[in-house]
Every structure is written in structure tokens, then in C-alpha cells.
């Protein structure tokens, strides 16, 4: 670490990952099972996102803490809106897109509803 002392992450219970952030100290996370990723945000501390069954993505709204979007059914997409909180969109049928409106929160649209839902 260029910002301070070296930190060693050690675990006797499972894999360990080291998360480094320019905004704060080094953080150690231990994963007992499943996959995990480090999420770094400009607005707050490092967050560890853990998924036991499926994909996981980091969602940084730039207005608050990082949110973990976890899916046990299929692909997951992170949807960010200036008007409200982060929304995690999960689709077990096909592609999913985020619909962002200036007048309201984010809406998830997946392929089996058709594109008209987003309009």
C-alpha cells in the first residue's frame, strides 16, 4: 500500500481477498463459500459483494454506498438513476435493460415483455 503500512490478509476458514481503496484503508474479506468481488466507490468505503449461487456485480450510484446486485437465476444488470436508488435487474429469460425516466424510478425490462414496456 502506498498510503500506509502493509496489510496481510490471512484466513484459516476460506479464501481471502484484499481490497484496496484510494479513499480509505485496506480491507480484508473472507469468503466461506461462493464467489466474491471487491467494490470500490468514490463515495464511501470498500464493499465486498458475495454471491453463493450466481453472478454478482457492483453497482455504484455515485450518490451513496455501493450496492451488490446478486442473482441466483440468471444475468444481473445494475441500473442507476439520478432520481432514486439503485435497482438490480435480473432476467431468467434473456437480455435485460434498464429504463431510466426523469419522472420516476428505474424500471427493469426483460426480453419476454418486449421493448414496448420501456417506452
N, C-alpha and C. Protein backbone atom coordinates (compact mmCIF):
# COMPACT_ATOMS: atom_id res chain seq x y z
N UNK A 1 0.84 -1.20 0.00
CA UNK A 1 0.00 0.00 0.00
C UNK A 1 0.87 1.25 0.00
N UNK A 2 0.59 2.15 -0.90
CA UNK A 2 1.36 3.39 -0.97
C UNK A 2 0.94 4.39 0.10
N UNK A 3 -0.22 4.17 0.70
CA UNK A 3 -0.76 5.13 1.65
C UNK A 3 -0.35 4.86 3.09
N UNK A 4 0.15 3.67 3.37
CA UNK A 4 0.47 3.36 4.75
C UNK A 4 1.15 2.03 4.88
N UNK A 5 1.04 1.43 6.04
CA UNK A 5 1.73 0.16 6.28
C UNK A 5 1.14 -0.97 5.43
N UNK A 6 1.92 -2.01 5.27
CA UNK A 6 1.48 -3.18 4.53
C UNK A 6 0.50 -3.97 5.40
N UNK A 7 -0.55 -4.46 4.78
CA UNK A 7 -1.54 -5.28 5.48
C UNK A 7 -1.54 -6.67 4.88
N UNK A 8 -1.50 -7.67 5.76
CA UNK A 8 -1.57 -9.07 5.32
C UNK A 8 -2.95 -9.62 5.62
N UNK A 9 -3.58 -10.21 4.63
CA UNK A 9 -4.88 -10.83 4.82
C UNK A 9 -4.70 -12.33 4.91
N UNK A 10 -5.02 -12.88 6.07
CA UNK A 10 -4.82 -14.30 6.33
C UNK A 10 -6.12 -14.90 6.84
N UNK A 11 -6.44 -16.09 6.37
CA UNK A 11 -7.65 -16.77 6.82
C UNK A 11 -7.39 -18.26 6.92
N UNK A 12 -7.92 -18.87 8.00
CA UNK A 12 -7.87 -20.33 8.11
C UNK A 12 -9.25 -20.93 7.85
N UNK A 13 -10.18 -20.11 7.34
CA UNK A 13 -11.55 -20.58 7.13
C UNK A 13 -11.95 -20.61 5.66
N UNK A 14 -11.18 -19.99 4.82
CA UNK A 14 -11.55 -19.97 3.41
C UNK A 14 -10.69 -19.00 2.64
N UNK A 15 -10.98 -18.86 1.35
CA UNK A 15 -10.23 -17.90 0.54
C UNK A 15 -10.36 -16.49 1.08
N UNK A 16 -9.32 -15.72 0.88
CA UNK A 16 -9.30 -14.35 1.37
C UNK A 16 -8.91 -13.42 0.23
N UNK A 17 -9.52 -12.25 0.23
CA UNK A 17 -9.20 -11.28 -0.80
C UNK A 17 -8.89 -9.95 -0.13
N UNK A 18 -8.03 -9.21 -0.76
CA UNK A 18 -7.60 -7.92 -0.23
C UNK A 18 -8.18 -6.83 -1.12
N UNK A 19 -8.86 -5.88 -0.51
CA UNK A 19 -9.45 -4.78 -1.26
C UNK A 19 -8.74 -3.48 -0.92
N UNK A 20 -8.26 -2.79 -1.93
CA UNK A 20 -7.52 -1.56 -1.73
C UNK A 20 -8.35 -0.40 -2.30
N UNK A 21 -8.48 0.64 -1.52
CA UNK A 21 -9.22 1.82 -1.95
C UNK A 21 -8.38 3.06 -1.73
N UNK A 22 -8.46 3.97 -2.68
CA UNK A 22 -7.76 5.24 -2.52
C UNK A 22 -8.39 6.10 -1.44
N UNK A 23 -9.63 5.77 -1.08
CA UNK A 23 -10.36 6.60 -0.13
C UNK A 23 -10.19 6.15 1.32
N UNK A 24 -9.60 5.00 1.54
CA UNK A 24 -9.51 4.53 2.92
C UNK A 24 -8.52 3.39 3.06
N UNK A 25 -8.62 2.69 4.16
CA UNK A 25 -7.64 1.63 4.45
C UNK A 25 -7.89 0.38 3.61
N UNK A 26 -6.91 -0.49 3.66
CA UNK A 26 -7.06 -1.80 3.03
C UNK A 26 -8.04 -2.62 3.85
N UNK A 27 -8.89 -3.38 3.17
CA UNK A 27 -9.90 -4.19 3.82
C UNK A 27 -9.69 -5.64 3.43
N UNK A 28 -9.78 -6.52 4.41
CA UNK A 28 -9.68 -7.95 4.15
C UNK A 28 -11.07 -8.58 4.23
N UNK A 29 -11.38 -9.42 3.26
CA UNK A 29 -12.64 -10.15 3.26
C UNK A 29 -12.35 -11.65 3.17
N UNK A 30 -13.13 -12.41 3.90
CA UNK A 30 -13.02 -13.86 3.86
C UNK A 30 -14.30 -14.43 3.27
N UNK A 31 -14.15 -15.33 2.32
CA UNK A 31 -15.29 -15.97 1.69
C UNK A 31 -15.35 -17.42 2.15
N UNK A 32 -16.41 -17.77 2.88
CA UNK A 32 -16.57 -19.14 3.34
C UNK A 32 -17.06 -20.05 2.21
N UNK A 33 -17.86 -19.47 1.33
CA UNK A 33 -18.33 -20.21 0.16
C UNK A 33 -18.81 -19.20 -0.88
N UNK A 34 -18.76 -19.64 -2.13
CA UNK A 34 -19.23 -18.76 -3.19
C UNK A 34 -18.14 -17.85 -3.71
N UNK A 35 -18.54 -17.07 -4.68
CA UNK A 35 -17.62 -16.12 -5.28
C UNK A 35 -17.83 -14.75 -4.68
N UNK A 36 -16.81 -13.92 -4.75
CA UNK A 36 -16.92 -12.58 -4.19
C UNK A 36 -16.02 -11.63 -4.96
N UNK A 37 -16.44 -10.37 -5.00
CA UNK A 37 -15.67 -9.34 -5.66
C UNK A 37 -15.62 -8.11 -4.77
N UNK A 38 -14.60 -7.32 -4.97
CA UNK A 38 -14.44 -6.07 -4.23
C UNK A 38 -15.07 -4.93 -5.03
N UNK A 39 -15.83 -4.12 -4.33
CA UNK A 39 -16.46 -2.98 -4.96
C UNK A 39 -15.93 -1.70 -4.33
N UNK A 40 -15.34 -0.86 -5.14
CA UNK A 40 -14.75 0.38 -4.66
C UNK A 40 -15.61 1.55 -5.14
N UNK A 41 -15.94 2.43 -4.22
CA UNK A 41 -16.79 3.57 -4.54
C UNK A 41 -16.08 4.86 -4.21
N UNK A 42 -16.34 5.87 -5.01
CA UNK A 42 -15.79 7.20 -4.72
C UNK A 42 -16.46 7.83 -3.50
N UNK A 43 -17.64 7.35 -3.16
CA UNK A 43 -18.44 7.98 -2.12
C UNK A 43 -18.30 7.35 -0.75
N UNK A 44 -17.69 6.18 -0.67
CA UNK A 44 -17.66 5.53 0.63
C UNK A 44 -16.64 4.42 0.69
N UNK A 45 -16.79 3.58 1.69
CA UNK A 45 -15.80 2.53 1.92
C UNK A 45 -15.91 1.39 0.90
N UNK A 46 -14.94 0.53 0.92
CA UNK A 46 -14.96 -0.65 0.09
C UNK A 46 -16.06 -1.59 0.57
N UNK A 47 -16.74 -2.19 -0.37
CA UNK A 47 -17.79 -3.15 -0.06
C UNK A 47 -17.44 -4.47 -0.74
N UNK A 48 -17.66 -5.56 0.00
CA UNK A 48 -17.45 -6.88 -0.58
C UNK A 48 -18.80 -7.47 -0.97
N UNK A 49 -18.93 -7.82 -2.22
CA UNK A 49 -20.16 -8.42 -2.71
C UNK A 49 -19.96 -9.93 -2.85
N UNK A 50 -20.81 -10.68 -2.18
CA UNK A 50 -20.69 -12.13 -2.14
C UNK A 50 -21.90 -12.75 -2.82
N UNK A 51 -21.64 -13.74 -3.64
CA UNK A 51 -22.71 -14.48 -4.28
C UNK A 51 -22.49 -15.96 -4.03
N UNK A 52 -23.49 -16.62 -3.45
CA UNK A 52 -23.37 -18.05 -3.17
C UNK A 52 -23.83 -18.90 -4.35
N UNK A 53 -24.66 -18.34 -5.22
CA UNK A 53 -25.29 -19.18 -6.23
C UNK A 53 -25.12 -18.68 -7.65
N UNK A 54 -24.87 -17.41 -7.84
CA UNK A 54 -24.86 -16.93 -9.21
C UNK A 54 -24.02 -15.68 -9.38
N UNK A 55 -24.23 -15.00 -10.49
CA UNK A 55 -23.42 -13.81 -10.79
C UNK A 55 -23.63 -12.70 -9.77
N UNK A 56 -22.62 -11.87 -9.64
CA UNK A 56 -22.70 -10.70 -8.77
C UNK A 56 -21.98 -9.55 -9.45
N UNK A 57 -22.58 -8.37 -9.36
CA UNK A 57 -21.94 -7.18 -9.92
C UNK A 57 -21.99 -6.06 -8.90
N UNK A 58 -21.05 -5.14 -9.04
CA UNK A 58 -21.03 -3.94 -8.20
C UNK A 58 -21.86 -2.85 -8.86
N UNK A 59 -22.61 -2.17 -8.04
CA UNK A 59 -23.42 -1.07 -8.55
C UNK A 59 -23.07 0.19 -7.78
N UNK A 60 -22.45 1.14 -8.45
CA UNK A 60 -22.04 2.39 -7.82
C UNK A 60 -22.93 3.50 -8.32
N UNK A 61 -23.76 4.02 -7.43
CA UNK A 61 -24.72 5.05 -7.82
C UNK A 61 -24.09 6.44 -7.86
N UNK A 62 -22.87 6.56 -7.33
CA UNK A 62 -22.18 7.85 -7.23
C UNK A 62 -22.90 8.83 -6.31
N UNK A 63 -23.97 8.36 -5.65
CA UNK A 63 -24.70 9.21 -4.72
C UNK A 63 -24.82 8.57 -3.34
N UNK A 64 -24.29 7.39 -3.19
CA UNK A 64 -24.37 6.69 -1.93
C UNK A 64 -23.45 5.49 -1.93
N UNK A 65 -23.66 4.61 -1.00
CA UNK A 65 -22.78 3.44 -0.92
C UNK A 65 -22.99 2.49 -2.10
N UNK A 66 -22.02 1.64 -2.29
CA UNK A 66 -22.11 0.63 -3.34
C UNK A 66 -23.19 -0.38 -2.98
N UNK A 67 -23.91 -0.81 -3.97
CA UNK A 67 -24.93 -1.84 -3.80
C UNK A 67 -24.49 -3.08 -4.55
N UNK A 68 -24.68 -4.24 -3.93
CA UNK A 68 -24.38 -5.50 -4.59
C UNK A 68 -25.62 -6.01 -5.30
N UNK A 69 -25.48 -6.29 -6.57
CA UNK A 69 -26.56 -6.91 -7.32
C UNK A 69 -26.21 -8.38 -7.51
N UNK A 70 -26.99 -9.24 -6.86
CA UNK A 70 -26.72 -10.67 -6.87
C UNK A 70 -27.90 -11.39 -7.51
N UNK A 71 -27.60 -12.37 -8.33
CA UNK A 71 -28.64 -13.14 -8.99
C UNK A 71 -28.39 -14.62 -8.81
N UNK A 72 -29.44 -15.36 -8.46
CA UNK A 72 -29.34 -16.82 -8.45
C UNK A 72 -30.16 -17.44 -9.57
N UNK A 73 -30.63 -16.58 -10.49
CA UNK A 73 -31.48 -17.08 -11.57
C UNK A 73 -30.90 -16.84 -12.95
N UNK A 74 -30.09 -15.83 -13.10
CA UNK A 74 -29.57 -15.53 -14.42
C UNK A 74 -28.76 -14.26 -14.40
N UNK A 75 -28.52 -13.69 -15.58
CA UNK A 75 -27.73 -12.46 -15.64
C UNK A 75 -28.35 -11.34 -14.82
N UNK A 76 -27.51 -10.52 -14.26
CA UNK A 76 -27.98 -9.38 -13.46
C UNK A 76 -27.36 -8.11 -14.00
N UNK A 77 -28.16 -7.06 -14.04
CA UNK A 77 -27.72 -5.78 -14.54
C UNK A 77 -27.98 -4.73 -13.47
N UNK A 78 -27.06 -3.81 -13.35
CA UNK A 78 -27.20 -2.73 -12.38
C UNK A 78 -27.77 -1.51 -13.08
N UNK A 79 -28.84 -0.98 -12.51
CA UNK A 79 -29.48 0.19 -13.11
C UNK A 79 -29.38 1.37 -12.15
N UNK A 80 -28.85 2.47 -12.65
CA UNK A 80 -28.62 3.65 -11.82
C UNK A 80 -29.45 4.81 -12.37
N UNK A 81 -30.08 5.51 -11.45
CA UNK A 81 -30.88 6.68 -11.82
C UNK A 81 -30.57 7.83 -10.89
N UNK A 82 -30.57 9.03 -11.45
CA UNK A 82 -30.37 10.21 -10.62
C UNK A 82 -31.57 10.48 -9.72
N UNK A 83 -32.69 9.87 -10.03
CA UNK A 83 -33.93 10.16 -9.33
C UNK A 83 -34.19 9.27 -8.13
N UNK A 84 -33.44 8.20 -8.00
CA UNK A 84 -33.75 7.30 -6.91
C UNK A 84 -32.65 6.29 -6.67
N UNK A 85 -32.99 5.28 -5.91
CA UNK A 85 -31.97 4.30 -5.52
C UNK A 85 -31.57 3.39 -6.68
N UNK A 86 -30.53 2.65 -6.44
CA UNK A 86 -30.07 1.66 -7.39
C UNK A 86 -31.08 0.53 -7.48
N UNK A 87 -31.27 0.02 -8.68
CA UNK A 87 -32.16 -1.11 -8.90
C UNK A 87 -31.36 -2.23 -9.56
N UNK A 88 -31.52 -3.43 -9.05
CA UNK A 88 -30.90 -4.59 -9.67
C UNK A 88 -31.93 -5.28 -10.55
N UNK A 89 -31.59 -5.45 -11.80
CA UNK A 89 -32.49 -6.08 -12.75
C UNK A 89 -31.98 -7.47 -13.09
N UNK A 90 -32.82 -8.46 -12.86
CA UNK A 90 -32.46 -9.85 -13.10
C UNK A 90 -33.39 -10.42 -14.16
N UNK A 91 -32.82 -11.17 -15.09
CA UNK A 91 -33.63 -11.81 -16.12
C UNK A 91 -33.24 -13.28 -16.22
N UNK A 92 -34.26 -14.16 -16.16
CA UNK A 92 -34.00 -15.58 -16.37
C UNK A 92 -34.44 -16.02 -17.76
N UNK A 93 -34.86 -15.06 -18.58
CA UNK A 93 -35.37 -15.38 -19.90
C UNK A 93 -34.47 -14.88 -21.02
N UNK A 94 -33.71 -13.86 -20.76
CA UNK A 94 -32.90 -13.29 -21.83
C UNK A 94 -32.32 -11.96 -21.41
N UNK A 95 -31.96 -11.15 -22.39
CA UNK A 95 -31.34 -9.86 -22.06
C UNK A 95 -32.28 -8.98 -21.24
N UNK A 96 -31.70 -8.14 -20.43
CA UNK A 96 -32.46 -7.20 -19.63
C UNK A 96 -31.85 -5.82 -19.80
N UNK A 97 -32.70 -4.82 -19.84
CA UNK A 97 -32.23 -3.45 -20.00
C UNK A 97 -32.83 -2.59 -18.90
N UNK A 98 -32.17 -1.48 -18.63
CA UNK A 98 -32.64 -0.53 -17.64
C UNK A 98 -33.41 0.58 -18.35
N UNK A 99 -34.56 0.89 -17.80
CA UNK A 99 -35.34 2.01 -18.33
C UNK A 99 -35.30 3.14 -17.32
N UNK A 100 -34.67 4.23 -17.70
CA UNK A 100 -34.50 5.36 -16.80
C UNK A 100 -35.39 6.50 -17.26
N UNK A 101 -36.14 7.04 -16.32
CA UNK A 101 -37.04 8.15 -16.62
C UNK A 101 -36.72 9.32 -15.72
N UNK A 102 -36.86 10.52 -16.27
CA UNK A 102 -36.65 11.72 -15.46
C UNK A 102 -37.75 11.91 -14.43
N UNK A 103 -38.86 11.21 -14.60
CA UNK A 103 -40.02 11.42 -13.75
C UNK A 103 -40.21 10.36 -12.68
N UNK A 104 -39.37 9.35 -12.69
CA UNK A 104 -39.59 8.29 -11.71
C UNK A 104 -38.40 7.36 -11.60
N UNK A 105 -38.61 6.31 -10.86
CA UNK A 105 -37.51 5.37 -10.62
C UNK A 105 -37.19 4.52 -11.84
N UNK A 106 -36.12 3.79 -11.73
CA UNK A 106 -35.71 2.88 -12.80
C UNK A 106 -36.68 1.71 -12.88
N UNK A 107 -36.94 1.27 -14.10
CA UNK A 107 -37.76 0.09 -14.33
C UNK A 107 -36.94 -0.92 -15.10
N UNK A 108 -37.09 -2.18 -14.72
CA UNK A 108 -36.39 -3.25 -15.43
C UNK A 108 -37.28 -3.78 -16.55
N UNK A 109 -36.68 -3.95 -17.68
CA UNK A 109 -37.40 -4.55 -18.81
C UNK A 109 -36.62 -5.76 -19.29
N UNK A 110 -37.28 -6.92 -19.33
CA UNK A 110 -36.61 -8.09 -19.87
C UNK A 110 -37.24 -8.48 -21.20
N UNK A 111 -36.60 -9.44 -21.85
CA UNK A 111 -36.91 -9.69 -23.26
C UNK A 111 -38.30 -10.29 -23.45
N UNK A 112 -38.84 -11.01 -22.48
CA UNK A 112 -40.13 -11.65 -22.71
C UNK A 112 -41.30 -10.70 -22.47
N UNK A 113 -41.03 -9.45 -22.14
CA UNK A 113 -42.09 -8.46 -22.10
C UNK A 113 -42.10 -7.58 -23.37
N UNK A 114 -41.02 -7.63 -24.09
CA UNK A 114 -40.96 -6.84 -25.32
C UNK A 114 -40.47 -5.43 -25.07
N UNK A 115 -40.04 -4.78 -26.11
CA UNK A 115 -39.45 -3.44 -25.96
C UNK A 115 -40.46 -2.36 -25.60
N UNK A 116 -41.76 -2.61 -25.86
CA UNK A 116 -42.75 -1.56 -25.65
C UNK A 116 -42.91 -1.18 -24.19
N UNK A 117 -42.55 -2.09 -23.28
CA UNK A 117 -42.71 -1.82 -21.86
C UNK A 117 -41.85 -0.63 -21.44
N UNK A 118 -40.76 -0.44 -22.13
CA UNK A 118 -39.82 0.60 -21.74
C UNK A 118 -40.25 1.98 -22.23
N UNK A 119 -41.14 2.03 -23.14
CA UNK A 119 -41.48 3.32 -23.75
C UNK A 119 -42.33 4.17 -22.81
